[in-house]
PDB file of N, CA and C in Angstrom:
ATOM      1  N   MET A   1      42.447  97.482  79.187  1.00  0.00           N
ATOM      2  CA  MET A   1      43.282  97.219  79.798  1.00  0.00           C
ATOM      3  C   MET A   1      44.107  98.531  80.055  1.00  0.00           C
ATOM      4  N   THR A   2      44.557  98.530  79.002  1.00  0.00           N
ATOM      5  CA  THR A   2      46.036  99.450  78.541  1.00  0.00           C
ATOM      6  C   THR A   2      45.517 100.695  78.933  1.00  0.00           C
ATOM      7  N   THR A   3      44.140 101.022  78.535  1.00  0.00           N
ATOM      8  CA  THR A   3      44.062 102.588  78.680  1.00  0.00           C
ATOM      9  C   THR A   3      43.517 102.591  80.124  1.00  0.00           C
ATOM     10  N   LEU A   4      43.399 101.696  80.605  1.00  0.00           N
ATOM     11  CA  LEU A   4      42.666 102.096  82.140  1.00  0.00           C
ATOM     12  C   LEU A   4      44.225 102.342  83.493  1.00  0.00           C
ATOM     13  N   ILE A   5      45.377 101.536  82.589  1.00  0.00           N
ATOM     14  CA  ILE A   5      47.005 101.910  83.266  1.00  0.00           C
ATOM     15  C   ILE A   5      47.447 103.125  83.189  1.00  0.00           C
ATOM     16  N   LEU A   6      47.102 103.885  81.086  1.00  0.00           N
ATOM     17  CA  LEU A   6      47.447 105.191  81.369  1.00  0.00           C
ATOM     18  C   LEU A   6      46.923 106.295  81.864  1.00  0.00           C
ATOM     19  N   VAL A   7      45.769 105.714  81.932  1.00  0.00           N
ATOM     20  CA  VAL A   7      44.662 107.140  82.624  1.00  0.00           C
ATOM     21  C   VAL A   7      45.288 106.815  84.289  1.00  0.00           C
ATOM     22  N   LEU A   8      46.038 106.053  84.782  1.00  0.00           N
ATOM     23  CA  LEU A   8      45.625 105.874  85.927  1.00  0.00           C
ATOM     24  C   LEU A   8      47.921 106.562  86.046  1.00  0.00           C
ATOM     25  N   VAL A   9      48.330 106.344  85.267  1.00  0.00           N
ATOM     26  CA  VAL A   9      49.886 106.744  84.636  1.00  0.00           C
ATOM     27  C   VAL A   9      49.630 108.375  85.380  1.00  0.00           C
ATOM     28  N   ILE A  10      48.396 109.029  84.271  1.00  0.00           N
ATOM     29  CA  ILE A  10      47.939 110.467  84.244  1.00  0.00           C
ATOM     30  C   ILE A  10      47.830 111.104  85.373  1.00  0.00           C
ATOM     31  N   LEU A  11      46.834 110.102  86.128  1.00  0.00           N
ATOM     32  CA  LEU A  11      46.289 110.437  87.284  1.00  0.00           C
ATOM     33  C   LEU A  11      46.800 110.702  88.388  1.00  0.00           C
ATOM     34  N   LEU A  12      48.297 109.365  88.140  1.00  0.00           N
ATOM     35  CA  LEU A  12      49.420 109.547  89.537  1.00  0.00           C
ATOM     36  C   LEU A  12      49.851 111.306  88.858  1.00  0.00           C
ATOM     37  N   VAL A  13      50.491 111.630  88.432  1.00  0.00           N
ATOM     38  CA  VAL A  13      51.238 112.383  87.479  1.00  0.00           C
ATOM     39  C   VAL A  13      50.589 113.576  87.835  1.00  0.00           C
ATOM     40  N   ALA A  14      49.165 113.934  87.529  1.00  0.00           N
ATOM     41  CA  ALA A  14      48.961 114.576  87.508  1.00  0.00           C
ATOM     42  C   ALA A  14      48.285 115.342  89.357  1.00  0.00           C
ATOM     43  N   LEU A  15      48.635 114.316  90.246  1.00  0.00           N
ATOM     44  CA  LEU A  15      48.359 114.410  91.844  1.00  0.00           C
ATOM     45  C   LEU A  15      49.769 114.219  92.353  1.00  0.00           C
ATOM     46  N   MET A  16      51.047 113.951  91.567  1.00  0.00           N
ATOM     47  CA  MET A  16      52.228 114.845  92.040  1.00  0.00           C
ATOM     48  C   MET A  16      52.675 115.611  91.982  1.00  0.00           C
ATOM     49  N   ILE A  17      51.998 116.640  91.085  1.00  0.00           N
ATOM     50  CA  ILE A  17      53.033 117.774  90.693  1.00  0.00           C
ATOM     51  C   ILE A  17      51.724 118.881  91.898  1.00  0.00           C
ATOM     52  N   PRO A  18      50.989 119.035  92.520  1.00  0.00           N
ATOM     53  CA  PRO A  18      50.603 119.913  93.427  1.00  0.00           C
ATOM     54  C   PRO A  18      50.997 119.416  94.992  1.00  0.00           C
ATOM     55  N   LEU A  19      51.302 118.096  95.053  1.00  0.00           N
ATOM     56  CA  LEU A  19      52.031 117.620  96.265  1.00  0.00           C
ATOM     57  C   LEU A  19      53.801 118.262  96.086  1.00  0.00           C
ATOM     58  N   THR A  20      53.871 117.770  94.728  1.00  0.00           N
ATOM     59  CA  THR A  20      55.546 118.602  94.638  1.00  0.00           C
ATOM     60  C   THR A  20      55.551 119.923  95.297  1.00  0.00           C
ATOM     61  N   ALA A  21      54.211 120.514  94.604  1.00  0.00           N
ATOM     62  CA  ALA A  21      55.063 121.773  94.910  1.00  0.00           C
ATOM     63  C   ALA A  21      54.523 122.336  96.109  1.00  0.00           C
ATOM     64  N   VAL A  22      53.450 121.236  97.028  1.00  0.00           N
ATOM     65  CA  VAL A  22      53.895 121.925  98.545  1.00  0.00           C
ATOM     66  C   VAL A  22      54.873 121.382  99.406  1.00  0.00           C
ATOM     67  N   ILE A  23      55.641 120.378  99.146  1.00  0.00           N
ATOM     68  CA  ILE A  23      56.975 119.775  99.900  1.00  0.00           C
ATOM     69  C   ILE A  23      57.717 120.744  99.794  1.00  0.00           C
ATOM     70  N   LEU A  24      57.895 121.330  98.300  1.00  0.00           N
ATOM     71  CA  LEU A  24      59.135 122.491  97.752  1.00  0.00           C
ATOM     72  C   LEU A  24      58.558 123.882  98.904  1.00  0.00           C
ATOM     73  N   ASP A  25      57.453 124.223  98.746  1.00  0.00           N
ATOM     74  CA  ASP A  25      56.979 125.501  99.443  1.00  0.00           C
ATOM     75  C   ASP A  25      57.327 125.478 101.389  1.00  0.00           C
ATOM     76  N   SER A  26      57.830 124.042 101.313  1.00  0.00           N
ATOM     77  CA  SER A  26      57.439 123.931 103.023  1.00  0.00           C
ATOM     78  C   SER A  26      59.078 124.472 103.651  1.00  0.00           C
ATOM     79  N   GLN A  27      59.203 124.566 104.686  1.00  0.00           N
ATOM     80  CA  GLN A  27      60.105 125.116 105.418  1.00  0.00           C
ATOM     81  C   GLN A  27      61.542 123.740 105.174  1.00  0.00           C
ATOM     82  N   VAL A  28      60.613 122.535 105.024  1.00  0.00           N
ATOM     83  CA  VAL A  28      61.735 121.591 104.587  1.00  0.00           C
ATOM     84  C   VAL A  28      62.194 121.618 103.207  1.00  0.00           C
ATOM     85  N   GLY A  29      61.507 122.121 102.245  1.00  0.00           N
ATOM     86  CA  GLY A  29      61.870 122.466 100.862  1.00  0.00           C
ATOM     87  C   GLY A  29      63.163 123.548 100.727  1.00  0.00           C
ATOM     88  N   ARG A  30      62.336 124.768 101.872  1.00  0.00           N
ATOM     89  CA  ARG A  30      63.299 125.721 101.653  1.00  0.00           C
ATOM     90  C   ARG A  30      64.797 125.389 102.583  1.00  0.00           C
ATOM     91  N   ALA A  31      64.837 124.945 103.175  1.00  0.00           N
ATOM     92  CA  ALA A  31      66.142 124.238 104.068  1.00  0.00           C
ATOM     93  C   ALA A  31      67.134 123.145 102.964  1.00  0.00           C
ATOM     94  N   LEU A  32      66.291 123.004 102.335  1.00  0.00           N
ATOM     95  CA  LEU A  32      66.840 121.855 100.969  1.00  0.00           C
ATOM     96  C   LEU A  32      67.730 122.693 100.457  1.00  0.00           C
ATOM     97  N   ALA A  33      66.726 123.429  99.993  1.00  0.00           N
ATOM     98  CA  ALA A  33      67.388 124.531  98.740  1.00  0.00           C
ATOM     99  C   ALA A  33      68.439 125.484  99.789  1.00  0.00           C
ATOM    100  N   ALA A  34      68.444 125.977 100.699  1.00  0.00           N
ATOM    101  CA  ALA A  34      69.539 126.830 101.348  1.00  0.00           C
ATOM    102  C   ALA A  34      70.876 125.653 101.411  1.00  0.00           C
ATOM    103  N   ARG A  35      70.462 124.588 101.428  1.00  0.00           N
ATOM    104  CA  ARG A  35      71.492 124.184 101.553  1.00  0.00           C
ATOM    105  C   ARG A  35      72.360 124.127 100.088  1.00  0.00           C
ATOM    106  N   LEU A  36      71.773 123.365  99.200  1.00  0.00           N
ATOM    107  CA  LEU A  36      71.663 122.891  97.716  1.00  0.00           C
ATOM    108  C   LEU A  36      72.667 124.509  97.740  1.00  0.00           C
ATOM    109  N   GLU A  37      72.343 125.706  98.219  1.00  0.00           N
ATOM    110  CA  GLU A  37      73.221 127.110  97.219  1.00  0.00           C
ATOM    111  C   GLU A  37      74.160 127.253  98.370  1.00  0.00           C
ATOM    112  N   ARG A  38      74.393 126.820  99.802  1.00  0.00           N
ATOM    113  CA  ARG A  38      76.048 126.676 100.482  1.00  0.00           C
ATOM    114  C   ARG A  38      76.656 125.374 100.359  1.00  0.00           C
ATOM    115  N   LYS A  39      76.540 125.271  99.289  1.00  0.00           N
ATOM    116  CA  LYS A  39      77.844 123.393  99.408  1.00  0.00           C
ATOM    117  C   LYS A  39      78.832 124.014  98.625  1.00  0.00           C
ATOM    118  N   GLY A  40      78.983 124.551  98.256  1.00  0.00           N
ATOM    119  CA  GLY A  40      80.069 125.416  97.602  1.00  0.00           C
ATOM    120  C   GLY A  40      80.491 126.301  98.461  1.00  0.00           C
ATOM    121  N   GLU A  41      80.073 126.843  99.398  1.00  0.00           N
ATOM    122  CA  GLU A  41      80.620 127.997 100.710  1.00  0.00           C
ATOM    123  C   GLU A  41      81.260 127.082 101.642  1.00  0.00           C
ATOM    124  N   LEU A  42      82.494 128.047 102.248  1.00  0.00           N
ATOM    125  CA  LEU A  42      82.168 127.857 103.749  1.00  0.00           C
ATOM    126  C   LEU A  42      81.846 128.236 104.784  1.00  0.00           C
ATOM    127  N   PRO A  43      81.464 127.708 106.022  1.00  0.00           N
ATOM    128  CA  PRO A  43      81.208 129.026 106.964  1.00  0.00           C
ATOM    129  C   PRO A  43      81.959 129.609 106.622  1.00  0.00           C
ATOM    130  N   ASP A  44      82.057 130.607 107.884  1.00  0.00           N
ATOM    131  CA  ASP A  44      83.066 131.726 108.405  1.00  0.00           C
ATOM    132  C   ASP A  44      83.671 131.399 109.184  1.00  0.00           C
ATOM    133  N   GLY A  45      85.285 131.475 108.868  1.00  0.00           N
ATOM    134  CA  GLY A  45      86.770 131.000 109.176  1.00  0.00           C
ATOM    135  C   GLY A  45      86.964 129.954 109.156  1.00  0.00           C
ATOM    136  N   VAL A  46      86.438 129.217 108.794  1.00  0.00           N
ATOM    137  CA  VAL A  46      86.638 127.802 108.031  1.00  0.00           C
ATOM    138  C   VAL A  46      87.687 127.905 106.946  1.00  0.00           C
ATOM    139  N   ALA A  47      87.663 129.344 106.291  1.00  0.00           N
ATOM    140  CA  ALA A  47      88.211 129.125 104.996  1.00  0.00           C
ATOM    141  C   ALA A  47      90.150 129.701 105.725  1.00  0.00           C
ATOM    142  N   ALA A  48      89.833 130.384 106.885  1.00  0.00           N
ATOM    143  CA  ALA A  48      91.145 131.028 107.500  1.00  0.00           C
ATOM    144  C   ALA A  48      91.741 129.416 107.905  1.00  0.00           C
ATOM    145  N   ARG A  49      90.796 129.031 109.022  1.00  0.00           N
ATOM    146  CA  ARG A  49      91.117 127.827 109.671  1.00  0.00           C
ATOM    147  C   ARG A  49      92.201 127.128 108.534  1.00  0.00           C
ATOM    148  N   LEU A  50      91.655 126.805 107.274  1.00  0.00           N
ATOM    149  CA  LEU A  50      91.697 125.746 106.042  1.00  0.00           C
ATOM    150  C   LEU A  50      93.177 126.389 106.012  1.00  0.00           C
ATOM    151  N   THR A  51      93.401 127.701 105.599  1.00  0.00           N
ATOM    152  CA  THR A  51      94.694 127.685 104.981  1.00  0.00           C
ATOM    153  C   THR A  51      96.149 127.605 105.797  1.00  0.00           C
ATOM    154  N   THR A  52      95.497 128.032 106.921  1.00  0.00           N
ATOM    155  CA  THR A  52      96.573 127.632 108.208  1.00  0.00           C
ATOM    156  C   THR A  52      97.200 126.583 108.449  1.00  0.00           C
ATOM    157  N   LEU A  53      95.724 125.500 108.175  1.00  0.00           N
ATOM    158  CA  LEU A  53      96.235 123.761 108.272  1.00  0.00           C
ATOM    159  C   LEU A  53      97.147 123.562 107.206  1.00  0.00           C
ATOM    160  N   GLU A  54      96.451 124.111 106.164  1.00  0.00           N
ATOM    161  CA  GLU A  54      97.406 123.992 105.208  1.00  0.00           C
ATOM    162  C   GLU A  54      98.791 124.051 104.232  1.00  0.00           C
ATOM    163  N   SER A  55      99.600 125.386 105.263  1.00  0.00           N
ATOM    164  CA  SER A  55     100.104 125.752 105.031  1.00  0.00           C
ATOM    165  C   SER A  55     101.287 124.964 106.418  1.00  0.00           C
ATOM    166  N   GLU A  56     100.597 125.008 107.258  1.00  0.00           N
ATOM    167  CA  GLU A  56     101.250 123.449 108.585  1.00  0.00           C
ATOM    168  C   GLU A  56     101.768 122.478 107.635  1.00  0.00           C
ATOM    169  N   VAL A  57     100.630 122.424 107.330  1.00  0.00           N
ATOM    170  CA  VAL A  57     100.472 120.460 106.598  1.00  0.00           C
ATOM    171  C   VAL A  57     101.993 120.742 105.806  1.00  0.00           C
ATOM    172  N   ALA A  58     101.981 121.491 104.983  1.00  0.00           N
ATOM    173  CA  ALA A  58     103.680 121.858 104.183  1.00  0.00           C
ATOM    174  C   ALA A  58     104.670 122.032 104.700  1.00  0.00           C
ATOM    175  N   GLN A  59     105.333 122.448 106.326  1.00  0.00           N
ATOM    176  CA  GLN A  59     105.856 122.852 107.014  1.00  0.00           C
ATOM    177  C   GLN A  59     106.333 121.612 107.505  1.00  0.00           C
ATOM    178  N   LEU A  60     105.101 120.980 107.628  1.00  0.00           N
ATOM    179  CA  LEU A  60     105.490 119.485 108.216  1.00  0.00           C
ATOM    180  C   LEU A  60     106.036 118.748 107.464  1.00  0.00           C
ATOM    181  N   GLY A  61     105.812 118.465 106.296  1.00  0.00           N
ATOM    182  CA  GLY A  61     106.005 117.558 104.605  1.00  0.00           C
ATOM    183  C   GLY A  61     108.035 118.306 104.421  1.00  0.00           C
ATOM    184  N   GLU A  62     107.728 119.369 104.523  1.00  0.00           N
ATOM    185  CA  GLU A  62     109.740 119.868 104.290  1.00  0.00           C
ATOM    186  C   GLU A  62     110.354 118.963 105.407  1.00  0.00           C
ATOM    187  N   SER A  63     109.459 119.735 107.032  1.00  0.00           N
ATOM    188  CA  SER A  63     110.166 118.942 108.340  1.00  0.00           C
ATOM    189  C   SER A  63     110.714 117.545 107.896  1.00  0.00           C
ATOM    190  N   VAL A  64     109.727 116.656 107.485  1.00  0.00           N
ATOM    191  CA  VAL A  64     110.078 115.142 107.395  1.00  0.00           C
ATOM    192  C   VAL A  64     111.018 114.828 106.534  1.00  0.00           C
ATOM    193  N   GLU A  65     110.712 115.860 105.453  1.00  0.00           N
ATOM    194  CA  GLU A  65     112.103 115.521 103.924  1.00  0.00           C
ATOM    195  C   GLU A  65     113.438 115.519 104.584  1.00  0.00           C
ATOM    196  N   GLN A  66     113.527 116.856 105.116  1.00  0.00           N
ATOM    197  CA  GLN A  66     114.879 116.975 106.059  1.00  0.00           C
ATOM    198  C   GLN A  66     115.052 116.377 106.859  1.00  0.00           C
ATOM    199  N   LEU A  67     114.313 115.449 107.834  1.00  0.00           N
ATOM    200  CA  LEU A  67     114.660 114.585 108.504  1.00  0.00           C
ATOM    201  C   LEU A  67     115.667 113.154 107.717  1.00  0.00           C
ATOM    202  N   ARG A  68     114.901 112.895 106.649  1.00  0.00           N
ATOM    203  CA  ARG A  68     114.954 111.773 105.952  1.00  0.00           C
ATOM    204  C   ARG A  68     116.168 112.302 105.427  1.00  0.00           C
ATOM    205  N   GLU A  69     116.739 113.225 104.872  1.00  0.00           N
ATOM    206  CA  GLU A  69     117.476 113.365 104.475  1.00  0.00           C
ATOM    207  C   GLU A  69     118.664 113.485 105.058  1.00  0.00           C
ATOM    208  N   GLU A  70     118.949 114.006 106.108  1.00  0.00           N
ATOM    209  CA  GLU A  70     120.011 113.920 107.443  1.00  0.00           C
ATOM    210  C   GLU A  70     119.637 112.364 108.099  1.00  0.00           C
ATOM    211  N   SER A  71     119.131 111.311 107.979  1.00  0.00           N
ATOM    212  CA  SER A  71     118.563 109.983 108.694  1.00  0.00           C
ATOM    213  C   SER A  71     119.453 109.148 107.446  1.00  0.00           C
ATOM    214  N   ALA A  72     119.344 109.615 105.721  1.00  0.00           N
ATOM    215  CA  ALA A  72     120.759 108.905 105.246  1.00  0.00           C
ATOM    216  C   ALA A  72     121.775 109.276 105.186  1.00  0.00           C
ATOM    217  N   PHE A  73     122.137 110.744 105.546  1.00  0.00           N
ATOM    218  CA  PHE A  73     123.103 111.212 105.557  1.00  0.00           C
ATOM    219  C   PHE A  73     124.415 110.399 106.507  1.00  0.00           C
ATOM    220  N   LEU A  74     123.432 109.614 108.042  1.00  0.00           N
ATOM    221  CA  LEU A  74     124.656 109.619 108.887  1.00  0.00           C
ATOM    222  C   LEU A  74     124.521 108.109 108.618  1.00  0.00           C
ATOM    223  N   HIS A  75     123.531 107.180 107.719  1.00  0.00           N
ATOM    224  CA  HIS A  75     123.266 106.519 107.726  1.00  0.00           C
ATOM    225  C   HIS A  75     125.046 105.868 106.985  1.00  0.00           C
ATOM    226  N   ARG A  76     124.606 106.370 105.892  1.00  0.00           N
ATOM    227  CA  ARG A  76     125.839 106.393 105.313  1.00  0.00           C
ATOM    228  C   ARG A  76     127.026 106.848 106.188  1.00  0.00           C
ATOM    229  N   LEU A  77     127.775 107.602 107.111  1.00  0.00           N
ATOM    230  CA  LEU A  77     128.151 108.239 107.577  1.00  0.00           C
ATOM    231  C   LEU A  77     129.108 106.715 108.921  1.00  0.00           C
ATOM    232  N   LEU A  78     127.970 106.254 109.450  1.00  0.00           N
ATOM    233  CA  LEU A  78     127.983 104.822 109.942  1.00  0.00           C
ATOM    234  C   LEU A  78     128.756 103.813 108.910  1.00  0.00           C
ATOM    235  N   GLU A  79     127.925 103.380 108.224  1.00  0.00           N
ATOM    236  CA  GLU A  79     128.623 102.227 107.233  1.00  0.00           C
ATOM    237  C   GLU A  79     129.996 103.095 106.414  1.00  0.00           C
ATOM    238  N   GLU A  80     130.368 103.802 106.575  1.00  0.00           N
ATOM    239  CA  GLU A  80     131.549 104.323 105.857  1.00  0.00           C
ATOM    240  C   GLU A  80     132.517 103.700 107.221  1.00  0.00           C
ATOM    241  N   LYS A  81     131.748 104.263 108.216  1.00  0.00           N
ATOM    242  CA  LYS A  81     133.142 103.791 109.633  1.00  0.00           C
ATOM    243  C   LYS A  81     132.982 102.452 109.941  1.00  0.00           C
ATOM    244  N   SER A  82     132.220 101.866 109.311  1.00  0.00           N
ATOM    245  CA  SER A  82     131.988  99.794 110.149  1.00  0.00           C
ATOM    246  C   SER A  82     133.020  99.616 109.361  1.00  0.00           C
ATOM    247  N   GLU A  83     133.082 100.119 107.790  1.00  0.00           N
ATOM    248  CA  GLU A  83     133.713  99.085 106.555  1.00  0.00           C
ATOM    249  C   GLU A  83     135.615  99.171 107.655  1.00  0.00           C
ATOM    250  N   PRO A  84     136.291  98.631 107.171  1.00  0.00           N
ATOM    251  CA  PRO A  84     137.710  98.237 108.150  1.00  0.00           C
ATOM    252  C   PRO A  84     138.598  99.143 106.398  1.00  0.00           C
ATOM    253  N   GLN A  85     138.912 100.174 107.614  1.00  0.00           N
ATOM    254  CA  GLN A  85     140.112 100.838 107.356  1.00  0.00           C
ATOM    255  C   GLN A  85     141.415 100.362 107.010  1.00  0.00           C
ATOM    256  N   GLY A  86     141.612 100.650 105.616  1.00  0.00           N
ATOM    257  CA  GLY A  86     143.289 100.201 105.744  1.00  0.00           C
ATOM    258  C   GLY A  86     144.565 100.433 106.607  1.00  0.00           C
ATOM    259  N   LEU A  87     145.366  99.878 106.979  1.00  0.00           N
ATOM    260  CA  LEU A  87     146.082 100.108 107.839  1.00  0.00           C
ATOM    261  C   LEU A  87     147.022 101.382 107.645  1.00  0.00           C
ATOM    262  N   LEU A  88     147.793 102.524 108.384  1.00  0.00           N
ATOM    263  CA  LEU A  88     148.358 103.621 107.708  1.00  0.00           C
ATOM    264  C   LEU A  88     149.517 103.532 107.400  1.00  0.00           C
ATOM    265  N   PRO A  89     150.168 104.202 106.091  1.00  0.00           N
ATOM    266  CA  PRO A  89     150.613 104.010 105.244  1.00  0.00           C
ATOM    267  C   PRO A  89     152.203 104.035 105.950  1.00  0.00           C
ATOM    268  N   PRO A  90     153.060 102.699 105.907  1.00  0.00           N
ATOM    269  CA  PRO A  90     154.274 103.257 106.573  1.00  0.00           C
ATOM    270  C   PRO A  90     154.884 104.169 106.268  1.00  0.00           C
ATOM    271  N   GLY A  91     155.555 104.625 106.918  1.00  0.00           N
ATOM    272  CA  GLY A  91     156.355 105.970 107.150  1.00  0.00           C
ATOM    273  C   GLY A  91     157.304 105.835 106.747  1.00  0.00           C
ATOM    274  N   ASP A  92     158.123 107.478 106.011  1.00  0.00           N
ATOM    275  CA  ASP A  92     159.323 107.393 105.530  1.00  0.00           C
ATOM    276  C   ASP A  92     160.526 106.831 106.620  1.00  0.00           C
ATOM    277  N   ALA A  93     161.427 105.933 106.388  1.00  0.00           N
ATOM    278  CA  ALA A  93     162.173 105.959 106.846  1.00  0.00           C
ATOM    279  C   ALA A  93     163.488 106.785 107.284  1.00  0.00           C
ATOM    280  N   SER A  94     164.026 107.543 106.389  1.00  0.00           N
ATOM    281  CA  SER A  94     164.829 108.735 105.596  1.00  0.00           C
ATOM    282  C   SER A  94     164.752 109.606 106.431  1.00  0.00           C
ATOM    283  N   LYS A  95     163.371 109.899 107.219  1.00  0.00           N
ATOM    284  CA  LYS A  95     163.347 111.606 108.041  1.00  0.00           C
ATOM    285  C   LYS A  95     163.175 110.962 109.640  1.00  0.00           C
ATOM    286  N   GLY A  96     164.009 109.524 109.439  1.00  0.00           N
ATOM    287  CA  GLY A  96     163.545 109.373 111.283  1.00  0.00           C
ATOM    288  C   GLY A  96     164.713 109.874 111.985  1.00  0.00           C
TER     289      GLY A  96
END
């Protein structure tokens, strides 16, 4: 029984070799190989667009940070203004 299984496994492997070769040599196999080769490359124009988008995102981030600082400054001003201020100091009676 074990020899029969061993023979079947060897036969299956022997049949898979030419089948794999036929598949890899077909148009599908070539398309897969081309896709694997291009995997790290970007299509034409995409690299330039990506660089432009990255710079715009950096500018937007700086703008948001600037707005955040301005907002904090305005909040501090409003808090200081809403706190009750003391009365003016009394004037000098001798100068009057």
